[in-house]
Amino acid sequence: MQFPHTTDILSLRNLTTMEIVLATRNRHKVNEIRAMLMDLPITILSLQDFPNAPEPEETGSSFAENAMMKASAVSCATGKVALADDSGLEVDALDGKPGVYSNRFAGPKATDRDKYLKVLDLMKNVPEPKRTARFRAAVAIAEPNGNVEVVEGTCEGIIAHKPRGHHGFGYDPIFYLPSIGKTMAELTPEEKNTISHRACAIQKAKEILRRMVQKQDIDSQGSFG
């Protein structure tokens, strides 16, 4: 048997990347997460690449539970590392609602506009000091062997009195950031990706992914040993 030269091994290692599947068909999420992970040696796929893969219902009682269920189901179905996030808006004056029901708060077929207008309607008589809220995100990474890790991130703000901005999605137009003087929807994608709840969680998730890439790298070296 002829073994490859050291230079060939290095070349193979440089070209090797780890594939992960984002457990979503939401193109906004895919674009955001892809931008946040672009500095890692990974190939990012999504459920658009696996039409027959399931997208489990979010039946958990927390963002973390939902993220873990989605990541595990997609990893099992695809045989690849899967990353899932579950996120939403928590409004203190509404006892934490919409919370885990953020995506279907205004009904199963509601548009983003329907969702944030419902929140504004519920908040119309709430005074400024009591309009505090936060975006919360949980990111889970599941491996085909059943291992799952989850991390969380939050972004504090207040509910605006009217929508502003045209970037982002979901509740971004009514989530005001006092320290910046803008709603989340008034931020550019680059600005949002440095301060958002999802960005915070993804930064923690990157450490998990780096560890996985390093392990893959070590395993691939061992295969030539």
C-alpha atoms as a PDB file:
ATOM      1  CA  MET A   1       0.000   0.000   0.000  1.00  0.00           C
ATOM      2  CA  GLN A   2       1.312   3.445  -0.909  1.00  0.00           C
ATOM      3  CA  PHE A   3       0.873   6.129   1.748  1.00  0.00           C
ATOM      4  CA  PRO A   4       0.514   9.819   0.868  1.00  0.00           C
ATOM      5  CA  HIS A   5       3.427  12.161   1.452  1.00  0.00           C
ATOM      6  CA  THR A   6       3.323  14.627   4.341  1.00  0.00           C
ATOM      7  CA  THR A   7       2.565  17.494   1.958  1.00  0.00           C
ATOM      8  CA  ASP A   8      -0.391  15.539   0.591  1.00  0.00           C
ATOM      9  CA  ILE A   9      -1.701  14.965   4.112  1.00  0.00           C
ATOM     10  CA  LEU A  10      -1.437  18.661   4.911  1.00  0.00           C
ATOM     11  CA  SER A  11      -3.235  19.474   1.685  1.00  0.00           C
ATOM     12  CA  LEU A  12      -6.055  17.082   2.564  1.00  0.00           C
ATOM     13  CA  ARG A  13      -6.324  18.551   6.047  1.00  0.00           C
ATOM     14  CA  ASN A  14      -6.515  22.081   4.692  1.00  0.00           C
ATOM     15  CA  LEU A  15      -9.364  21.085   2.393  1.00  0.00           C
ATOM     16  CA  THR A  16     -11.295  19.108   4.996  1.00  0.00           C
ATOM     17  CA  THR A  17     -14.242  20.881   6.544  1.00  0.00           C
ATOM     18  CA  MET A  18     -16.944  19.684   8.875  1.00  0.00           C
ATOM     19  CA  GLU A  19     -20.501  19.674   7.586  1.00  0.00           C
ATOM     20  CA  ILE A  20     -23.276  20.883   9.851  1.00  0.00           C
ATOM     21  CA  VAL A  21     -26.988  21.123   9.152  1.00  0.00           C
ATOM     22  CA  LEU A  22     -28.981  24.100  10.373  1.00  0.00           C
ATOM     23  CA  ALA A  23     -32.300  22.709  11.585  1.00  0.00           C
ATOM     24  CA  THR A  24     -34.433  25.311   9.841  1.00  0.00           C
ATOM     25  CA  ARG A  25     -35.922  26.266   6.500  1.00  0.00           C
ATOM     26  CA  ASN A  26     -36.129  29.937   7.530  1.00  0.00           C
ATOM     27  CA  ARG A  27     -33.836  31.711   5.076  1.00  0.00           C
ATOM     28  CA  HIS A  28     -33.443  34.716   7.414  1.00  0.00           C
ATOM     29  CA  LYS A  29     -32.059  32.491  10.154  1.00  0.00           C
ATOM     30  CA  VAL A  30     -29.868  30.596   7.713  1.00  0.00           C
ATOM     31  CA  ASN A  31     -28.349  33.826   6.396  1.00  0.00           C
ATOM     32  CA  GLU A  32     -27.758  35.242   9.884  1.00  0.00           C
ATOM     33  CA  ILE A  33     -26.180  32.088  11.279  1.00  0.00           C
ATOM     34  CA  ARG A  34     -24.086  31.483   8.156  1.00  0.00           C
ATOM     35  CA  ALA A  35     -22.654  35.013   8.461  1.00  0.00           C
ATOM     36  CA  MET A  36     -21.801  34.435  12.136  1.00  0.00           C
ATOM     37  CA  LEU A  37     -20.033  31.135  11.435  1.00  0.00           C
ATOM     38  CA  MET A  38     -18.183  32.127   8.286  1.00  0.00           C
ATOM     39  CA  ASP A  39     -14.792  32.174  10.036  1.00  0.00           C
ATOM     40  CA  LEU A  40     -15.010  28.493  10.963  1.00  0.00           C
ATOM     41  CA  PRO A  41     -13.837  25.661   8.670  1.00  0.00           C
ATOM     42  CA  ILE A  42     -17.321  24.252   8.258  1.00  0.00           C
ATOM     43  CA  THR A  43     -19.743  23.709   5.413  1.00  0.00           C
ATOM     44  CA  ILE A  44     -23.198  24.918   6.359  1.00  0.00           C
ATOM     45  CA  LEU A  45     -26.248  23.102   5.048  1.00  0.00           C
ATOM     46  CA  SER A  46     -29.896  23.595   5.976  1.00  0.00           C
ATOM     47  CA  LEU A  47     -33.130  21.648   5.790  1.00  0.00           C
ATOM     48  CA  GLN A  48     -33.507  23.021   2.268  1.00  0.00           C
ATOM     49  CA  ASP A  49     -30.768  20.512   1.391  1.00  0.00           C
ATOM     50  CA  PHE A  50     -32.731  17.680   3.002  1.00  0.00           C
ATOM     51  CA  PRO A  51     -36.342  17.940   1.783  1.00  0.00           C
ATOM     52  CA  ASN A  52     -37.367  14.730   3.560  1.00  0.00           C
ATOM     53  CA  ALA A  53     -35.834  15.617   6.916  1.00  0.00           C
ATOM     54  CA  PRO A  54     -38.297  16.492   9.683  1.00  0.00           C
ATOM     55  CA  GLU A  55     -38.740  19.923  11.194  1.00  0.00           C
ATOM     56  CA  PRO A  56     -40.083  18.933  14.618  1.00  0.00           C
ATOM     57  CA  GLU A  57     -42.836  20.915  16.278  1.00  0.00           C
ATOM     58  CA  GLU A  58     -41.729  23.194  19.079  1.00  0.00           C
ATOM     59  CA  THR A  59     -43.550  21.519  21.970  1.00  0.00           C
ATOM     60  CA  GLY A  60     -40.976  22.143  24.710  1.00  0.00           C
ATOM     61  CA  SER A  61     -41.584  24.357  27.728  1.00  0.00           C
ATOM     62  CA  SER A  62     -38.412  26.391  27.122  1.00  0.00           C
ATOM     63  CA  PHE A  63     -36.285  27.646  24.256  1.00  0.00           C
ATOM     64  CA  ALA A  64     -33.542  25.216  25.289  1.00  0.00           C
ATOM     65  CA  GLU A  65     -35.883  22.206  25.147  1.00  0.00           C
ATOM     66  CA  ASN A  66     -37.157  23.187  21.713  1.00  0.00           C
ATOM     67  CA  ALA A  67     -33.647  23.728  20.349  1.00  0.00           C
ATOM     68  CA  MET A  68     -32.441  20.382  21.694  1.00  0.00           C
ATOM     69  CA  MET A  69     -35.421  18.495  20.244  1.00  0.00           C
ATOM     70  CA  LYS A  70     -34.931  20.049  16.809  1.00  0.00           C
ATOM     71  CA  ALA A  71     -31.170  19.525  16.717  1.00  0.00           C
ATOM     72  CA  SER A  72     -31.441  15.890  17.847  1.00  0.00           C
ATOM     73  CA  ALA A  73     -34.153  15.023  15.336  1.00  0.00           C
ATOM     74  CA  VAL A  74     -32.288  16.586  12.408  1.00  0.00           C
ATOM     75  CA  SER A  75     -28.955  15.023  13.368  1.00  0.00           C
ATOM     76  CA  CYS A  76     -30.621  11.609  13.594  1.00  0.00           C
ATOM     77  CA  ALA A  77     -32.343  12.079  10.224  1.00  0.00           C
ATOM     78  CA  THR A  78     -29.282  13.354   8.339  1.00  0.00           C
ATOM     79  CA  GLY A  79     -26.450  11.546  10.104  1.00  0.00           C
ATOM     80  CA  LYS A  80     -24.632  14.866  10.476  1.00  0.00           C
ATOM     81  CA  VAL A  81     -23.938  17.399  13.217  1.00  0.00           C
ATOM     82  CA  ALA A  82     -27.024  19.588  13.500  1.00  0.00           C
ATOM     83  CA  LEU A  83     -27.417  23.075  14.918  1.00  0.00           C
ATOM     84  CA  ALA A  84     -30.836  24.328  15.960  1.00  0.00           C
ATOM     85  CA  ASP A  85     -31.916  27.529  17.581  1.00  0.00           C
ATOM     86  CA  ASP A  86     -35.134  28.533  19.242  1.00  0.00           C
ATOM     87  CA  SER A  87     -35.677  32.130  20.157  1.00  0.00           C
ATOM     88  CA  GLY A  88     -38.349  34.625  20.977  1.00  0.00           C
ATOM     89  CA  LEU A  89     -39.477  37.731  22.759  1.00  0.00           C
ATOM     90  CA  GLU A  90     -40.133  37.922  26.492  1.00  0.00           C
ATOM     91  CA  VAL A  91     -42.138  40.958  27.606  1.00  0.00           C
ATOM     92  CA  ASP A  92     -42.137  41.588  31.343  1.00  0.00           C
ATOM     93  CA  ALA A  93     -45.512  43.379  31.387  1.00  0.00           C
ATOM     94  CA  LEU A  94     -47.030  40.330  29.646  1.00  0.00           C
ATOM     95  CA  ASP A  95     -45.596  37.894  32.205  1.00  0.00           C
ATOM     96  CA  GLY A  96     -42.897  36.780  29.802  1.00  0.00           C
ATOM     97  CA  LYS A  97     -45.176  36.278  26.813  1.00  0.00           C
ATOM     98  CA  PRO A  98     -45.029  35.569  23.956  1.00  0.00           C
ATOM     99  CA  GLY A  99     -41.988  33.520  25.023  1.00  0.00           C
ATOM    100  CA  VAL A 100     -41.808  30.058  23.482  1.00  0.00           C
ATOM    101  CA  TYR A 101     -45.006  30.876  21.579  1.00  0.00           C
ATOM    102  CA  SER A 102     -43.417  33.861  19.798  1.00  0.00           C
ATOM    103  CA  ASN A 103     -43.663  32.264  16.372  1.00  0.00           C
ATOM    104  CA  ARG A 104     -47.360  31.433  16.670  1.00  0.00           C
ATOM    105  CA  PHE A 105     -48.472  34.143  19.115  1.00  0.00           C
ATOM    106  CA  ALA A 106     -50.889  35.691  16.615  1.00  0.00           C
ATOM    107  CA  GLY A 107     -51.966  32.395  15.046  1.00  0.00           C
ATOM    108  CA  PRO A 108     -50.346  29.636  12.965  1.00  0.00           C
ATOM    109  CA  LYS A 109     -50.460  31.614   9.701  1.00  0.00           C
ATOM    110  CA  ALA A 110     -49.727  35.069  11.111  1.00  0.00           C
ATOM    111  CA  THR A 111     -47.215  37.309   9.358  1.00  0.00           C
ATOM    112  CA  ASP A 112     -44.399  39.051  11.210  1.00  0.00           C
ATOM    113  CA  ARG A 113     -46.490  42.224  11.098  1.00  0.00           C
ATOM    114  CA  ASP A 114     -49.453  40.415  12.675  1.00  0.00           C
ATOM    115  CA  LYS A 115     -47.228  39.242  15.513  1.00  0.00           C
ATOM    116  CA  TYR A 116     -45.706  42.556  16.481  1.00  0.00           C
ATOM    117  CA  LEU A 117     -48.980  44.440  16.061  1.00  0.00           C
ATOM    118  CA  LYS A 118     -50.593  42.060  18.541  1.00  0.00           C
ATOM    119  CA  VAL A 119     -47.864  42.821  21.074  1.00  0.00           C
ATOM    120  CA  LEU A 120     -48.250  46.566  20.487  1.00  0.00           C
ATOM    121  CA  ASP A 121     -52.005  46.279  21.026  1.00  0.00           C
ATOM    122  CA  LEU A 122     -51.518  44.433  24.314  1.00  0.00           C
ATOM    123  CA  MET A 123     -48.962  47.047  25.397  1.00  0.00           C
ATOM    124  CA  LYS A 124     -50.870  50.187  24.353  1.00  0.00           C
ATOM    125  CA  ASN A 125     -51.624  51.284  27.936  1.00  0.00           C
ATOM    126  CA  VAL A 126     -48.335  50.181  29.497  1.00  0.00           C
ATOM    127  CA  PRO A 127     -46.149  53.124  30.639  1.00  0.00           C
ATOM    128  CA  GLU A 128     -42.533  53.510  29.514  1.00  0.00           C
ATOM    129  CA  PRO A 129     -40.823  52.196  32.676  1.00  0.00           C
ATOM    130  CA  LYS A 130     -42.749  48.924  32.450  1.00  0.00           C
ATOM    131  CA  ARG A 131     -42.124  48.183  28.775  1.00  0.00           C
ATOM    132  CA  THR A 132     -38.950  46.204  29.437  1.00  0.00           C
ATOM    133  CA  ALA A 133     -38.362  43.087  27.374  1.00  0.00           C
ATOM    134  CA  ARG A 134     -35.677  40.830  26.058  1.00  0.00           C
ATOM    135  CA  PHE A 135     -34.934  38.594  23.145  1.00  0.00           C
ATOM    136  CA  ARG A 136     -33.735  35.166  24.249  1.00  0.00           C
ATOM    137  CA  ALA A 137     -32.105  32.504  22.090  1.00  0.00           C
ATOM    138  CA  ALA A 138     -31.040  28.946  22.791  1.00  0.00           C
ATOM    139  CA  VAL A 139     -28.697  27.158  20.396  1.00  0.00           C
ATOM    140  CA  ALA A 140     -28.298  23.386  20.521  1.00  0.00           C
ATOM    141  CA  ILE A 141     -25.684  21.320  18.732  1.00  0.00           C
ATOM    142  CA  ALA A 142     -26.403  17.612  18.329  1.00  0.00           C
ATOM    143  CA  GLU A 143     -24.120  14.856  17.075  1.00  0.00           C
ATOM    144  CA  PRO A 144     -25.249  11.618  15.415  1.00  0.00           C
ATOM    145  CA  ASN A 145     -23.955   9.700  18.466  1.00  0.00           C
ATOM    146  CA  GLY A 146     -26.638  11.365  20.593  1.00  0.00           C
ATOM    147  CA  ASN A 147     -24.505  13.986  22.334  1.00  0.00           C
ATOM    148  CA  VAL A 148     -26.260  17.369  22.623  1.00  0.00           C
ATOM    149  CA  GLU A 149     -24.964  20.650  24.015  1.00  0.00           C
ATOM    150  CA  VAL A 150     -26.990  23.832  24.445  1.00  0.00           C
ATOM    151  CA  VAL A 151     -26.074  27.468  25.111  1.00  0.00           C
ATOM    152  CA  GLU A 152     -28.164  30.618  25.512  1.00  0.00           C
ATOM    153  CA  GLY A 153     -27.926  34.331  24.777  1.00  0.00           C
ATOM    154  CA  THR A 154     -30.101  37.343  25.606  1.00  0.00           C
ATOM    155  CA  CYS A 155     -30.488  40.926  24.445  1.00  0.00           C
ATOM    156  CA  GLU A 156     -32.246  43.452  26.710  1.00  0.00           C
ATOM    157  CA  GLY A 157     -34.448  46.260  25.403  1.00  0.00           C
ATOM    158  CA  ILE A 158     -37.896  47.825  25.612  1.00  0.00           C
ATOM    159  CA  ILE A 159     -41.038  47.598  23.522  1.00  0.00           C
ATOM    160  CA  ALA A 160     -41.393  50.652  21.280  1.00  0.00           C
ATOM    161  CA  HIS A 161     -44.733  52.424  20.829  1.00  0.00           C
ATOM    162  CA  LYS A 162     -44.681  51.896  17.070  1.00  0.00           C
ATOM    163  CA  PRO A 163     -42.668  49.850  14.574  1.00  0.00           C
ATOM    164  CA  ARG A 164     -39.496  51.308  13.090  1.00  0.00           C
ATOM    165  CA  GLY A 165     -36.978  49.993  10.592  1.00  0.00           C
ATOM    166  CA  HIS A 166     -36.968  47.638   7.645  1.00  0.00           C
ATOM    167  CA  HIS A 167     -34.172  45.196   8.459  1.00  0.00           C
ATOM    168  CA  GLY A 168     -34.400  41.935  10.332  1.00  0.00           C
ATOM    169  CA  PHE A 169     -37.575  39.947  10.850  1.00  0.00           C
ATOM    170  CA  GLY A 170     -40.050  38.864  13.506  1.00  0.00           C
ATOM    171  CA  TYR A 171     -40.436  41.352  16.352  1.00  0.00           C
ATOM    172  CA  ASP A 172     -37.360  43.404  15.380  1.00  0.00           C
ATOM    173  CA  PRO A 173     -39.348  46.550  14.399  1.00  0.00           C
ATOM    174  CA  ILE A 174     -40.774  47.006  17.914  1.00  0.00           C
ATOM    175  CA  PHE A 175     -37.702  46.003  19.951  1.00  0.00           C
ATOM    176  CA  TYR A 176     -35.961  49.235  20.943  1.00  0.00           C
ATOM    177  CA  LEU A 177     -32.363  49.318  22.169  1.00  0.00           C
ATOM    178  CA  PRO A 178     -31.944  52.381  24.449  1.00  0.00           C
ATOM    179  CA  SER A 179     -28.143  52.210  24.448  1.00  0.00           C
ATOM    180  CA  ILE A 180     -28.098  52.509  20.654  1.00  0.00           C
ATOM    181  CA  GLY A 181     -31.218  54.593  20.093  1.00  0.00           C
ATOM    182  CA  LYS A 182     -32.564  52.271  17.421  1.00  0.00           C
ATOM    183  CA  THR A 183     -34.911  49.342  17.081  1.00  0.00           C
ATOM    184  CA  MET A 184     -33.418  46.012  16.099  1.00  0.00           C
ATOM    185  CA  ALA A 185     -34.957  46.503  12.639  1.00  0.00           C
ATOM    186  CA  GLU A 186     -33.038  49.765  12.183  1.00  0.00           C
ATOM    187  CA  LEU A 187     -29.700  48.010  12.548  1.00  0.00           C
ATOM    188  CA  THR A 188     -27.796  46.753   9.556  1.00  0.00           C
ATOM    189  CA  PRO A 189     -27.323  42.977   9.428  1.00  0.00           C
ATOM    190  CA  GLU A 190     -23.678  43.481  10.402  1.00  0.00           C
ATOM    191  CA  GLU A 191     -24.649  45.586  13.443  1.00  0.00           C
ATOM    192  CA  LYS A 192     -27.334  43.141  14.515  1.00  0.00           C
ATOM    193  CA  ASN A 193     -24.952  40.215  14.274  1.00  0.00           C
ATOM    194  CA  THR A 194     -22.704  41.772  16.922  1.00  0.00           C
ATOM    195  CA  ILE A 195     -25.316  42.420  19.634  1.00  0.00           C
ATOM    196  CA  SER A 196     -28.344  40.195  19.094  1.00  0.00           C
ATOM    197  CA  HIS A 197     -29.457  37.373  21.362  1.00  0.00           C
ATOM    198  CA  ARG A 198     -28.739  34.919  18.566  1.00  0.00           C
ATOM    199  CA  ALA A 199     -25.255  36.372  18.046  1.00  0.00           C
ATOM    200  CA  CYS A 200     -24.522  35.977  21.754  1.00  0.00           C
ATOM    201  CA  ALA A 201     -25.632  32.338  21.724  1.00  0.00           C
ATOM    202  CA  ILE A 202     -23.805  31.586  18.473  1.00  0.00           C
ATOM    203  CA  GLN A 203     -20.549  32.992  19.874  1.00  0.00           C
ATOM    204  CA  LYS A 204     -20.803  30.407  22.671  1.00  0.00           C
ATOM    205  CA  ALA A 205     -21.779  27.711  20.184  1.00  0.00           C
ATOM    206  CA  LYS A 206     -18.689  28.473  18.102  1.00  0.00           C
ATOM    207  CA  GLU A 207     -16.496  27.192  20.924  1.00  0.00           C
ATOM    208  CA  ILE A 208     -18.342  23.861  20.774  1.00  0.00           C
ATOM    209  CA  LEU A 209     -17.975  23.715  16.985  1.00  0.00           C
ATOM    210  CA  ARG A 210     -14.260  24.577  17.172  1.00  0.00           C
ATOM    211  CA  ARG A 211     -13.796  21.688  19.579  1.00  0.00           C
ATOM    212  CA  MET A 212     -15.603  19.365  17.169  1.00  0.00           C
ATOM    213  CA  VAL A 213     -13.479  20.539  14.241  1.00  0.00           C
ATOM    214  CA  GLN A 214     -10.298  19.971  16.250  1.00  0.00           C
ATOM    215  CA  LYS A 215     -11.449  16.476  17.179  1.00  0.00           C
ATOM    216  CA  GLN A 216     -12.233  15.722  13.540  1.00  0.00           C
ATOM    217  CA  ASP A 217      -8.804  17.030  12.592  1.00  0.00           C
ATOM    218  CA  ILE A 218      -7.109  14.792  15.161  1.00  0.00           C
ATOM    219  CA  ASP A 219      -9.164  11.788  14.059  1.00  0.00           C
ATOM    220  CA  SER A 220      -8.261  12.398  10.411  1.00  0.00           C
ATOM    221  CA  GLN A 221      -4.564  12.579  11.336  1.00  0.00           C
ATOM    222  CA  GLY A 222      -4.927   9.305  13.159  1.00  0.00           C
ATOM    223  CA  SER A 223      -6.382   7.659  10.082  1.00  0.00           C
ATOM    224  CA  PHE A 224      -3.042   8.201   8.365  1.00  0.00           C
ATOM    225  CA  GLY A 225      -1.062   6.906  11.335  1.00  0.00           C
END
